[in-house]
Amino acid sequence: MPEPKDTDTLIEYPSDFPIKIMGAMVDSFAQTMVEVVMQHDPEFHAGKMEMRPSSKGTYLSLTVTVRATSREQLDNLYRALSSHPMVKVVL
């Protein structure tokens, strides 16, 4: 199967793209996720992140808004986040 081209997507590049990351409520989770995201979007900063704890305070949901420049960048970021041991879900 051939690799999809950027023309095979509904996303226009560059654009601001929200990603939701969920993980356990631990002190270093948010900062660690900022560091992972910055590897793929060097202009990202914590001010572009919303944090929402779960109702019981067990989990933390982060919504990060990255500057998407290509499908490859987003795919690489999703892979990095999904494979991170602190991350439970990436949407």
PDB file of N, CA and C in Angstrom:
ATOM      1  N   MET A   1       0.846  -1.183   0.000  1.00  0.00           N
ATOM      2  CA  MET A   1       0.000   0.000   0.000  1.00  0.00           C
ATOM      3  C   MET A   1       0.891   1.246   0.000  1.00  0.00           C
ATOM      4  N   PRO A   2       0.678   2.176  -0.896  1.00  0.00           N
ATOM      5  CA  PRO A   2       1.540   3.361  -0.957  1.00  0.00           C
ATOM      6  C   PRO A   2       1.319   4.285   0.235  1.00  0.00           C
ATOM      7  N   GLU A   3       2.373   5.014   0.570  1.00  0.00           N
ATOM      8  CA  GLU A   3       2.279   6.003   1.649  1.00  0.00           C
ATOM      9  C   GLU A   3       1.302   7.103   1.255  1.00  0.00           C
ATOM     10  N   PRO A   4       0.416   7.519   2.185  1.00  0.00           N
ATOM     11  CA  PRO A   4      -0.497   8.616   1.854  1.00  0.00           C
ATOM     12  C   PRO A   4       0.266   9.922   1.698  1.00  0.00           C
ATOM     13  N   LYS A   5      -0.162  10.733   0.801  1.00  0.00           N
ATOM     14  CA  LYS A   5       0.433  12.049   0.596  1.00  0.00           C
ATOM     15  C   LYS A   5      -0.335  13.070   1.421  1.00  0.00           C
ATOM     16  N   ASP A   6       0.274  14.236   1.658  1.00  0.00           N
ATOM     17  CA  ASP A   6      -0.416  15.284   2.406  1.00  0.00           C
ATOM     18  C   ASP A   6      -1.723  15.689   1.734  1.00  0.00           C
ATOM     19  N   THR A   7      -1.857  15.421   0.436  1.00  0.00           N
ATOM     20  CA  THR A   7      -3.097  15.767  -0.270  1.00  0.00           C
ATOM     21  C   THR A   7      -4.217  14.794   0.060  1.00  0.00           C
ATOM     22  N   ASP A   8      -3.896  13.672   0.746  1.00  0.00           N
ATOM     23  CA  ASP A   8      -4.903  12.677   1.115  1.00  0.00           C
ATOM     24  C   ASP A   8      -5.539  12.971   2.467  1.00  0.00           C
ATOM     25  N   THR A   9      -5.396  14.158   2.965  1.00  0.00           N
ATOM     26  CA  THR A   9      -5.904  14.491   4.286  1.00  0.00           C
ATOM     27  C   THR A   9      -6.795  15.721   4.219  1.00  0.00           C
ATOM     28  N   LEU A  10      -7.637  15.866   5.234  1.00  0.00           N
ATOM     29  CA  LEU A  10      -8.505  17.037   5.316  1.00  0.00           C
ATOM     30  C   LEU A  10      -7.827  18.194   6.034  1.00  0.00           C
ATOM     31  N   ILE A  11      -6.670  17.935   6.606  1.00  0.00           N
ATOM     32  CA  ILE A  11      -5.941  18.961   7.353  1.00  0.00           C
ATOM     33  C   ILE A  11      -5.133  19.811   6.385  1.00  0.00           C
ATOM     34  N   GLU A  12      -5.233  21.108   6.543  1.00  0.00           N
ATOM     35  CA  GLU A  12      -4.399  22.011   5.756  1.00  0.00           C
ATOM     36  C   GLU A  12      -3.170  22.369   6.583  1.00  0.00           C
ATOM     37  N   TYR A  13      -2.017  22.318   5.954  1.00  0.00           N
ATOM     38  CA  TYR A  13      -0.773  22.626   6.652  1.00  0.00           C
ATOM     39  C   TYR A  13      -0.234  23.958   6.170  1.00  0.00           C
ATOM     40  N   PRO A  14       0.373  24.733   7.044  1.00  0.00           N
ATOM     41  CA  PRO A  14       0.409  24.546   8.496  1.00  0.00           C
ATOM     42  C   PRO A  14      -0.911  24.968   9.140  1.00  0.00           C
ATOM     43  N   SER A  15      -1.187  24.371  10.311  1.00  0.00           N
ATOM     44  CA  SER A  15      -2.387  24.739  11.063  1.00  0.00           C
ATOM     45  C   SER A  15      -2.204  24.371  12.527  1.00  0.00           C
ATOM     46  N   ASP A  16      -3.009  24.999  13.380  1.00  0.00           N
ATOM     47  CA  ASP A  16      -3.011  24.646  14.799  1.00  0.00           C
ATOM     48  C   ASP A  16      -3.860  23.394  14.952  1.00  0.00           C
ATOM     49  N   PHE A  17      -3.325  22.391  15.653  1.00  0.00           N
ATOM     50  CA  PHE A  17      -3.966  21.088  15.733  1.00  0.00           C
ATOM     51  C   PHE A  17      -4.002  20.622  17.187  1.00  0.00           C
ATOM     52  N   PRO A  18      -5.199  20.436  17.772  1.00  0.00           N
ATOM     53  CA  PRO A  18      -5.289  19.989  19.162  1.00  0.00           C
ATOM     54  C   PRO A  18      -5.114  18.474  19.277  1.00  0.00           C
ATOM     55  N   ILE A  19      -4.389  18.058  20.300  1.00  0.00           N
ATOM     56  CA  ILE A  19      -4.184  16.643  20.604  1.00  0.00           C
ATOM     57  C   ILE A  19      -4.485  16.457  22.086  1.00  0.00           C
ATOM     58  N   LYS A  20      -5.280  15.442  22.406  1.00  0.00           N
ATOM     59  CA  LYS A  20      -5.599  15.156  23.803  1.00  0.00           C
ATOM     60  C   LYS A  20      -4.733  13.984  24.259  1.00  0.00           C
ATOM     61  N   ILE A  21      -4.085  14.173  25.405  1.00  0.00           N
ATOM     62  CA  ILE A  21      -3.194  13.164  25.980  1.00  0.00           C
ATOM     63  C   ILE A  21      -3.697  12.858  27.383  1.00  0.00           C
ATOM     64  N   MET A  22      -3.892  11.584  27.703  1.00  0.00           N
ATOM     65  CA  MET A  22      -4.342  11.220  29.043  1.00  0.00           C
ATOM     66  C   MET A  22      -3.341  10.284  29.703  1.00  0.00           C
ATOM     67  N   GLY A  23      -3.120  10.532  30.983  1.00  0.00           N
ATOM     68  CA  GLY A  23      -2.198   9.705  31.740  1.00  0.00           C
ATOM     69  C   GLY A  23      -2.501   9.804  33.222  1.00  0.00           C
ATOM     70  N   ALA A  24      -1.756   9.046  34.008  1.00  0.00           N
ATOM     71  CA  ALA A  24      -1.945   9.052  35.453  1.00  0.00           C
ATOM     72  C   ALA A  24      -1.574  10.420  36.032  1.00  0.00           C
ATOM     73  N   MET A  25      -2.250  10.785  37.091  1.00  0.00           N
ATOM     74  CA  MET A  25      -2.001  12.061  37.770  1.00  0.00           C
ATOM     75  C   MET A  25      -0.711  11.931  38.588  1.00  0.00           C
ATOM     76  N   VAL A  26       0.403  12.267  37.950  1.00  0.00           N
ATOM     77  CA  VAL A  26       1.704  12.295  38.631  1.00  0.00           C
ATOM     78  C   VAL A  26       2.329  13.656  38.374  1.00  0.00           C
ATOM     79  N   ASP A  27       3.168  14.096  39.290  1.00  0.00           N
ATOM     80  CA  ASP A  27       3.726  15.449  39.233  1.00  0.00           C
ATOM     81  C   ASP A  27       4.435  15.765  37.918  1.00  0.00           C
ATOM     82  N   SER A  28       5.148  14.815  37.371  1.00  0.00           N
ATOM     83  CA  SER A  28       5.969  15.103  36.202  1.00  0.00           C
ATOM     84  C   SER A  28       5.259  14.879  34.865  1.00  0.00           C
ATOM     85  N   PHE A  29       4.004  14.426  34.879  1.00  0.00           N
ATOM     86  CA  PHE A  29       3.321  14.073  33.625  1.00  0.00           C
ATOM     87  C   PHE A  29       3.231  15.251  32.660  1.00  0.00           C
ATOM     88  N   ALA A  30       2.687  16.378  33.109  1.00  0.00           N
ATOM     89  CA  ALA A  30       2.486  17.521  32.211  1.00  0.00           C
ATOM     90  C   ALA A  30       3.819  18.021  31.652  1.00  0.00           C
ATOM     91  N   GLN A  31       4.830  18.185  32.496  1.00  0.00           N
ATOM     92  CA  GLN A  31       6.127  18.688  32.033  1.00  0.00           C
ATOM     93  C   GLN A  31       6.779  17.710  31.062  1.00  0.00           C
ATOM     94  N   THR A  32       6.659  16.424  31.337  1.00  0.00           N
ATOM     95  CA  THR A  32       7.233  15.417  30.449  1.00  0.00           C
ATOM     96  C   THR A  32       6.561  15.465  29.075  1.00  0.00           C
ATOM     97  N   MET A  33       5.247  15.640  29.060  1.00  0.00           N
ATOM     98  CA  MET A  33       4.529  15.709  27.783  1.00  0.00           C
ATOM     99  C   MET A  33       4.901  16.966  27.003  1.00  0.00           C
ATOM    100  N   VAL A  34       5.123  18.079  27.705  1.00  0.00           N
ATOM    101  CA  VAL A  34       5.583  19.305  27.044  1.00  0.00           C
ATOM    102  C   VAL A  34       6.920  19.025  26.355  1.00  0.00           C
ATOM    103  N   GLU A  35       7.815  18.325  27.032  1.00  0.00           N
ATOM    104  CA  GLU A  35       9.126  18.025  26.460  1.00  0.00           C
ATOM    105  C   GLU A  35       9.009  17.131  25.220  1.00  0.00           C
ATOM    106  N   VAL A  36       8.115  16.132  25.263  1.00  0.00           N
ATOM    107  CA  VAL A  36       7.912  15.253  24.103  1.00  0.00           C
ATOM    108  C   VAL A  36       7.349  16.058  22.931  1.00  0.00           C
ATOM    109  N   VAL A  37       6.342  16.880  23.197  1.00  0.00           N
ATOM    110  CA  VAL A  37       5.717  17.673  22.137  1.00  0.00           C
ATOM    111  C   VAL A  37       6.732  18.640  21.522  1.00  0.00           C
ATOM    112  N   MET A  38       7.572  19.243  22.350  1.00  0.00           N
ATOM    113  CA  MET A  38       8.549  20.215  21.845  1.00  0.00           C
ATOM    114  C   MET A  38       9.580  19.586  20.901  1.00  0.00           C
ATOM    115  N   GLN A  39       9.801  18.287  21.024  1.00  0.00           N
ATOM    116  CA  GLN A  39      10.712  17.606  20.094  1.00  0.00           C
ATOM    117  C   GLN A  39      10.148  17.626  18.680  1.00  0.00           C
ATOM    118  N   HIS A  40       8.823  17.737  18.563  1.00  0.00           N
ATOM    119  CA  HIS A  40       8.163  17.703  17.257  1.00  0.00           C
ATOM    120  C   HIS A  40       7.636  19.073  16.833  1.00  0.00           C
ATOM    121  N   ASP A  41       7.450  19.960  17.801  1.00  0.00           N
ATOM    122  CA  ASP A  41       7.010  21.335  17.531  1.00  0.00           C
ATOM    123  C   ASP A  41       7.811  22.255  18.443  1.00  0.00           C
ATOM    124  N   PRO A  42       8.996  22.706  17.986  1.00  0.00           N
ATOM    125  CA  PRO A  42       9.886  23.504  18.836  1.00  0.00           C
ATOM    126  C   PRO A  42       9.261  24.810  19.338  1.00  0.00           C
ATOM    127  N   GLU A  43       8.216  25.302  18.677  1.00  0.00           N
ATOM    128  CA  GLU A  43       7.569  26.545  19.104  1.00  0.00           C
ATOM    129  C   GLU A  43       6.501  26.311  20.174  1.00  0.00           C
ATOM    130  N   PHE A  44       6.216  25.050  20.489  1.00  0.00           N
ATOM    131  CA  PHE A  44       5.204  24.749  21.495  1.00  0.00           C
ATOM    132  C   PHE A  44       5.676  25.225  22.868  1.00  0.00           C
ATOM    133  N   HIS A  45       4.734  25.688  23.684  1.00  0.00           N
ATOM    134  CA  HIS A  45       5.043  26.044  25.070  1.00  0.00           C
ATOM    135  C   HIS A  45       3.832  25.691  25.935  1.00  0.00           C
ATOM    136  N   ALA A  46       4.045  25.613  27.238  1.00  0.00           N
ATOM    137  CA  ALA A  46       3.014  25.163  28.172  1.00  0.00           C
ATOM    138  C   ALA A  46       1.762  26.041  28.143  1.00  0.00           C
ATOM    139  N   GLY A  47       1.874  27.274  27.676  1.00  0.00           N
ATOM    140  CA  GLY A  47       0.708  28.146  27.572  1.00  0.00           C
ATOM    141  C   GLY A  47      -0.285  27.669  26.525  1.00  0.00           C
ATOM    142  N   LYS A  48       0.151  26.743  25.655  1.00  0.00           N
ATOM    143  CA  LYS A  48      -0.729  26.172  24.637  1.00  0.00           C
ATOM    144  C   LYS A  48      -1.309  24.836  25.108  1.00  0.00           C
ATOM    145  N   MET A  49      -1.374  24.642  26.425  1.00  0.00           N
ATOM    146  CA  MET A  49      -1.841  23.376  26.976  1.00  0.00           C
ATOM    147  C   MET A  49      -2.938  23.620  28.001  1.00  0.00           C
ATOM    148  N   GLU A  50      -4.008  22.834  27.903  1.00  0.00           N
ATOM    149  CA  GLU A  50      -5.071  22.870  28.899  1.00  0.00           C
ATOM    150  C   GLU A  50      -4.981  21.589  29.720  1.00  0.00           C
ATOM    151  N   MET A  51      -5.162  21.715  31.043  1.00  0.00           N
ATOM    152  CA  MET A  51      -5.110  20.550  31.918  1.00  0.00           C
ATOM    153  C   MET A  51      -6.460  20.359  32.587  1.00  0.00           C
ATOM    154  N   ARG A  52      -6.913  19.101  32.631  1.00  0.00           N
ATOM    155  CA  ARG A  52      -8.178  18.795  33.277  1.00  0.00           C
ATOM    156  C   ARG A  52      -8.048  17.474  34.029  1.00  0.00           C
ATOM    157  N   PRO A  53      -8.127  17.508  35.363  1.00  0.00           N
ATOM    158  CA  PRO A  53      -8.049  16.254  36.130  1.00  0.00           C
ATOM    159  C   PRO A  53      -9.357  15.474  36.019  1.00  0.00           C
ATOM    160  N   SER A  54      -9.264  14.157  36.183  1.00  0.00           N
ATOM    161  CA  SER A  54     -10.468  13.331  36.199  1.00  0.00           C
ATOM    162  C   SER A  54     -11.253  13.622  37.471  1.00  0.00           C
ATOM    163  N   SER A  55     -12.491  13.187  37.520  1.00  0.00           N
ATOM    164  CA  SER A  55     -13.361  13.507  38.667  1.00  0.00           C
ATOM    165  C   SER A  55     -12.800  12.972  39.983  1.00  0.00           C
ATOM    166  N   LYS A  56     -12.106  11.836  39.954  1.00  0.00           N
ATOM    167  CA  LYS A  56     -11.515  11.279  41.175  1.00  0.00           C
ATOM    168  C   LYS A  56     -10.060  11.693  41.362  1.00  0.00           C
ATOM    169  N   GLY A  57      -9.520  12.459  40.400  1.00  0.00           N
ATOM    170  CA  GLY A  57      -8.143  12.915  40.519  1.00  0.00           C
ATOM    171  C   GLY A  57      -7.111  11.850  40.230  1.00  0.00           C
ATOM    172  N   THR A  58      -7.528  10.740  39.606  1.00  0.00           N
ATOM    173  CA  THR A  58      -6.610   9.644  39.298  1.00  0.00           C
ATOM    174  C   THR A  58      -5.840   9.909  38.011  1.00  0.00           C
ATOM    175  N   TYR A  59      -6.501  10.565  37.063  1.00  0.00           N
ATOM    176  CA  TYR A  59      -5.909  10.804  35.746  1.00  0.00           C
ATOM    177  C   TYR A  59      -5.879  12.287  35.425  1.00  0.00           C
ATOM    178  N   LEU A  60      -5.015  12.645  34.500  1.00  0.00           N
ATOM    179  CA  LEU A  60      -4.919  14.021  34.022  1.00  0.00           C
ATOM    180  C   LEU A  60      -5.048  14.008  32.509  1.00  0.00           C
ATOM    181  N   SER A  61      -5.926  14.843  32.002  1.00  0.00           N
ATOM    182  CA  SER A  61      -6.114  14.998  30.569  1.00  0.00           C
ATOM    183  C   SER A  61      -5.463  16.310  30.156  1.00  0.00           C
ATOM    184  N   LEU A  62      -4.597  16.235  29.150  1.00  0.00           N
ATOM    185  CA  LEU A  62      -3.937  17.421  28.620  1.00  0.00           C
ATOM    186  C   LEU A  62      -4.408  17.620  27.189  1.00  0.00           C
ATOM    187  N   THR A  63      -4.763  18.824  26.851  1.00  0.00           N
ATOM    188  CA  THR A  63      -5.022  19.155  25.454  1.00  0.00           C
ATOM    189  C   THR A  63      -3.919  20.104  25.019  1.00  0.00           C
ATOM    190  N   VAL A  64      -3.092  19.616  24.094  1.00  0.00           N
ATOM    191  CA  VAL A  64      -1.984  20.425  23.588  1.00  0.00           C
ATOM    192  C   VAL A  64      -2.336  20.861  22.170  1.00  0.00           C
ATOM    193  N   THR A  65      -2.079  22.108  21.858  1.00  0.00           N
ATOM    194  CA  THR A  65      -2.327  22.610  20.508  1.00  0.00           C
ATOM    195  C   THR A  65      -0.982  22.841  19.842  1.00  0.00           C
ATOM    196  N   VAL A  66      -0.687  21.981  18.871  1.00  0.00           N
ATOM    197  CA  VAL A  66       0.602  22.052  18.174  1.00  0.00           C
ATOM    198  C   VAL A  66       0.429  22.761  16.843  1.00  0.00           C
ATOM    199  N   ARG A  67       1.522  23.260  16.318  1.00  0.00           N
ATOM    200  CA  ARG A  67       1.535  23.851  14.977  1.00  0.00           C
ATOM    201  C   ARG A  67       1.904  22.729  14.015  1.00  0.00           C
ATOM    202  N   ALA A  68       0.894  22.169  13.372  1.00  0.00           N
ATOM    203  CA  ALA A  68       1.105  21.045  12.465  1.00  0.00           C
ATOM    204  C   ALA A  68       1.636  21.562  11.134  1.00  0.00           C
ATOM    205  N   THR A  69       2.784  21.042  10.727  1.00  0.00           N
ATOM    206  CA  THR A  69       3.386  21.473   9.476  1.00  0.00           C
ATOM    207  C   THR A  69       3.337  20.385   8.407  1.00  0.00           C
ATOM    208  N   SER A  70       3.071  19.121   8.816  1.00  0.00           N
ATOM    209  CA  SER A  70       2.983  18.032   7.844  1.00  0.00           C
ATOM    210  C   SER A  70       2.332  16.813   8.486  1.00  0.00           C
ATOM    211  N   ARG A  71       1.854  15.928   7.636  1.00  0.00           N
ATOM    212  CA  ARG A  71       1.291  14.661   8.114  1.00  0.00           C
ATOM    213  C   ARG A  71       2.374  13.859   8.834  1.00  0.00           C
ATOM    214  N   GLU A  72       3.571  13.868   8.277  1.00  0.00           N
ATOM    215  CA  GLU A  72       4.689  13.131   8.875  1.00  0.00           C
ATOM    216  C   GLU A  72       4.970  13.628  10.299  1.00  0.00           C
ATOM    217  N   GLN A  73       4.960  14.938  10.497  1.00  0.00           N
ATOM    218  CA  GLN A  73       5.195  15.507  11.828  1.00  0.00           C
ATOM    219  C   GLN A  73       4.131  15.005  12.806  1.00  0.00           C
ATOM    220  N   LEU A  74       2.857  15.071  12.409  1.00  0.00           N
ATOM    221  CA  LEU A  74       1.783  14.610  13.297  1.00  0.00           C
ATOM    222  C   LEU A  74       1.885  13.119  13.578  1.00  0.00           C
ATOM    223  N   ASP A  75       2.175  12.321  12.551  1.00  0.00           N
ATOM    224  CA  ASP A  75       2.316  10.877  12.749  1.00  0.00           C
ATOM    225  C   ASP A  75       3.444  10.571  13.722  1.00  0.00           C
ATOM    226  N   ASN A  76       4.572  11.254  13.560  1.00  0.00           N
ATOM    227  CA  ASN A  76       5.712  11.038  14.460  1.00  0.00           C
ATOM    228  C   ASN A  76       5.375  11.449  15.885  1.00  0.00           C
ATOM    229  N   LEU A  77       4.649  12.558  16.040  1.00  0.00           N
ATOM    230  CA  LEU A  77       4.259  13.012  17.372  1.00  0.00           C
ATOM    231  C   LEU A  77       3.292  12.024  18.012  1.00  0.00           C
ATOM    232  N   TYR A  78       2.293  11.562  17.270  1.00  0.00           N
ATOM    233  CA  TYR A  78       1.358  10.562  17.799  1.00  0.00           C
ATOM    234  C   TYR A  78       2.096   9.293  18.222  1.00  0.00           C
ATOM    235  N   ARG A  79       3.053   8.846  17.413  1.00  0.00           N
ATOM    236  CA  ARG A  79       3.821   7.642  17.769  1.00  0.00           C
ATOM    237  C   ARG A  79       4.620   7.864  19.053  1.00  0.00           C
ATOM    238  N   ALA A  80       5.264   9.021  19.163  1.00  0.00           N
ATOM    239  CA  ALA A  80       6.071   9.310  20.356  1.00  0.00           C
ATOM    240  C   ALA A  80       5.194   9.354  21.606  1.00  0.00           C
ATOM    241  N   LEU A  81       4.033   9.998  21.494  1.00  0.00           N
ATOM    242  CA  LEU A  81       3.136  10.090  22.652  1.00  0.00           C
ATOM    243  C   LEU A  81       2.531   8.732  22.993  1.00  0.00           C
ATOM    244  N   SER A  82       2.046   8.018  21.991  1.00  0.00           N
ATOM    245  CA  SER A  82       1.384   6.724  22.218  1.00  0.00           C
ATOM    246  C   SER A  82       2.320   5.684  22.832  1.00  0.00           C
ATOM    247  N   SER A  83       3.589   5.749  22.488  1.00  0.00           N
ATOM    248  CA  SER A  83       4.540   4.768  22.989  1.00  0.00           C
ATOM    249  C   SER A  83       5.167   5.180  24.325  1.00  0.00           C
ATOM    250  N   HIS A  84       4.892   6.386  24.794  1.00  0.00           N
ATOM    251  CA  HIS A  84       5.480   6.861  26.049  1.00  0.00           C
ATOM    252  C   HIS A  84       4.858   6.088  27.221  1.00  0.00           C
ATOM    253  N   PRO A  85       5.677   5.600  28.158  1.00  0.00           N
ATOM    254  CA  PRO A  85       5.143   4.788  29.266  1.00  0.00           C
ATOM    255  C   PRO A  85       4.167   5.529  30.201  1.00  0.00           C
ATOM    256  N   MET A  86       4.212   6.857  30.241  1.00  0.00           N
ATOM    257  CA  MET A  86       3.304   7.603  31.121  1.00  0.00           C
ATOM    258  C   MET A  86       1.930   7.810  30.488  1.00  0.00           C
ATOM    259  N   VAL A  87       1.807   7.592  29.181  1.00  0.00           N
ATOM    260  CA  VAL A  87       0.593   7.916  28.452  1.00  0.00           C
ATOM    261  C   VAL A  87      -0.338   6.706  28.383  1.00  0.00           C
ATOM    262  N   LYS A  88      -1.615   6.956  28.710  1.00  0.00           N
ATOM    263  CA  LYS A  88      -2.634   5.898  28.603  1.00  0.00           C
ATOM    264  C   LYS A  88      -3.354   5.972  27.258  1.00  0.00           C
ATOM    265  N   VAL A  89      -3.740   7.193  26.822  1.00  0.00           N
ATOM    266  CA  VAL A  89      -4.529   7.381  25.609  1.00  0.00           C
ATOM    267  C   VAL A  89      -4.092   8.671  24.914  1.00  0.00           C
ATOM    268  N   VAL A  90      -4.063   8.642  23.574  1.00  0.00           N
ATOM    269  CA  VAL A  90      -3.828   9.841  22.775  1.00  0.00           C
ATOM    270  C   VAL A  90      -4.965   9.942  21.763  1.00  0.00           C
ATOM    271  N   LEU A  91      -5.622  11.096  21.725  1.00  0.00           N
ATOM    272  CA  LEU A  91      -6.729  11.312  20.785  1.00  0.00           C
ATOM    273  C   LEU A  91      -6.433  12.522  19.929  1.00  0.00           C
TER     274      LEU A  91
END
